[in-house]
Amino acid sequence: MNAEQLKGKWLQFRGEVKEKYGKFTDNEVKQIEGNCEKFVGKVQERCGDQKDALMKWADEWHEKPAPKPVGKGI
């Protein structure tokens, strides 16, 4: 996932990253604000031993298809 992709999907991504990797505080999530460099830095700081796994998970998360809206039948 590149910087623009992270910024564009940050609102969705932040909740899932906190759920999966609970080491991030609310304040840290606010500080990152979709900034890829800050995200990578916080990953290194909080999850150093899991950095590769977390970054792989982030890439896979980005590649999954977006959920389809409910109740908007055509």
Protein backbone atom coordinates (compact mmCIF):
# COMPACT_ATOMS: atom_id res chain seq x y z
CA MET A 1 0.00 0.00 0.00
CA ASN A 2 1.48 3.36 -0.94
CA ALA A 3 1.07 6.75 0.76
CA GLU A 4 -1.90 7.90 -1.35
CA GLN A 5 -3.72 4.61 -0.87
CA LEU A 6 -3.24 4.74 2.89
CA LYS A 7 -4.45 8.34 3.06
CA GLY A 8 -7.53 7.54 0.99
CA LYS A 9 -8.57 4.55 3.08
CA TRP A 10 -7.34 5.70 6.49
CA LEU A 11 -10.75 5.98 8.14
CA GLN A 12 -11.56 2.36 7.30
CA PHE A 13 -8.06 1.07 7.92
CA ARG A 14 -7.44 2.64 11.32
CA GLY A 15 -10.25 0.74 13.01
CA GLU A 16 -9.11 -2.57 11.65
CA VAL A 17 -5.45 -1.98 12.48
CA LYS A 18 -6.39 -1.11 16.08
CA GLU A 19 -8.55 -4.22 16.30
CA LYS A 20 -5.90 -6.55 14.91
CA TYR A 21 -2.86 -4.87 16.48
CA GLY A 22 -4.17 -3.40 19.74
CA LYS A 23 -0.80 -1.86 20.58
CA PHE A 24 -1.81 1.44 18.97
CA THR A 25 -3.38 4.05 21.25
CA ASP A 26 -6.15 6.40 20.13
CA ASN A 27 -3.65 9.26 20.34
CA GLU A 28 -1.18 7.46 18.07
CA VAL A 29 -3.90 6.71 15.53
CA LYS A 30 -4.83 10.42 15.53
CA GLN A 31 -1.17 11.38 15.07
CA ILE A 32 -0.77 9.09 12.06
CA GLU A 33 -3.83 10.59 10.27
CA GLY A 34 -3.20 8.52 7.13
CA ASN A 35 0.44 9.60 6.81
CA CYS A 36 2.37 6.61 5.49
CA GLU A 37 5.72 7.65 6.99
CA LYS A 38 4.15 8.15 10.43
CA PHE A 39 2.36 4.82 10.12
CA VAL A 40 5.56 2.95 9.27
CA GLY A 41 7.37 4.72 12.13
CA LYS A 42 4.69 3.78 14.65
CA VAL A 43 4.65 0.21 13.37
CA GLN A 44 8.40 0.02 13.90
CA GLU A 45 8.13 1.62 17.35
CA ARG A 46 5.18 -0.43 18.66
CA CYS A 47 5.44 -3.68 16.73
CA GLY A 48 9.11 -3.94 15.76
CA ASP A 49 9.16 -7.72 15.87
CA GLN A 50 5.86 -7.88 13.95
CA LYS A 51 6.63 -5.09 11.45
CA ASP A 52 6.95 -7.38 8.42
CA ALA A 53 3.76 -9.27 9.28
CA LEU A 54 1.82 -6.05 9.91
CA MET A 55 3.00 -4.45 6.66
CA LYS A 56 2.10 -7.62 4.74
CA TRP A 57 -1.33 -7.61 6.39
CA ALA A 58 -1.76 -3.91 5.45
CA ASP A 59 -0.99 -4.67 1.80
CA GLU A 60 -3.41 -7.60 1.80
CA TRP A 61 -6.07 -5.46 3.50
CA HIS A 62 -5.71 -2.85 0.78
CA GLU A 63 -6.04 -5.45 -1.99
CA LYS A 64 -9.30 -6.97 -0.70
CA PRO A 65 -12.44 -5.83 -2.51
CA ALA A 66 -14.53 -3.09 -0.94
CA PRO A 67 -17.76 -4.28 0.70
CA LYS A 68 -20.88 -3.81 -1.38
CA PRO A 69 -23.46 -1.33 -0.06
CA VAL A 70 -26.45 -2.91 1.64
CA GLY A 71 -30.00 -2.00 0.64
CA LYS A 72 -29.14 -0.25 -2.62
CA GLY A 73 -30.55 -2.78 -5.10
CA ILE A 74 -30.52 -1.86 -8.75
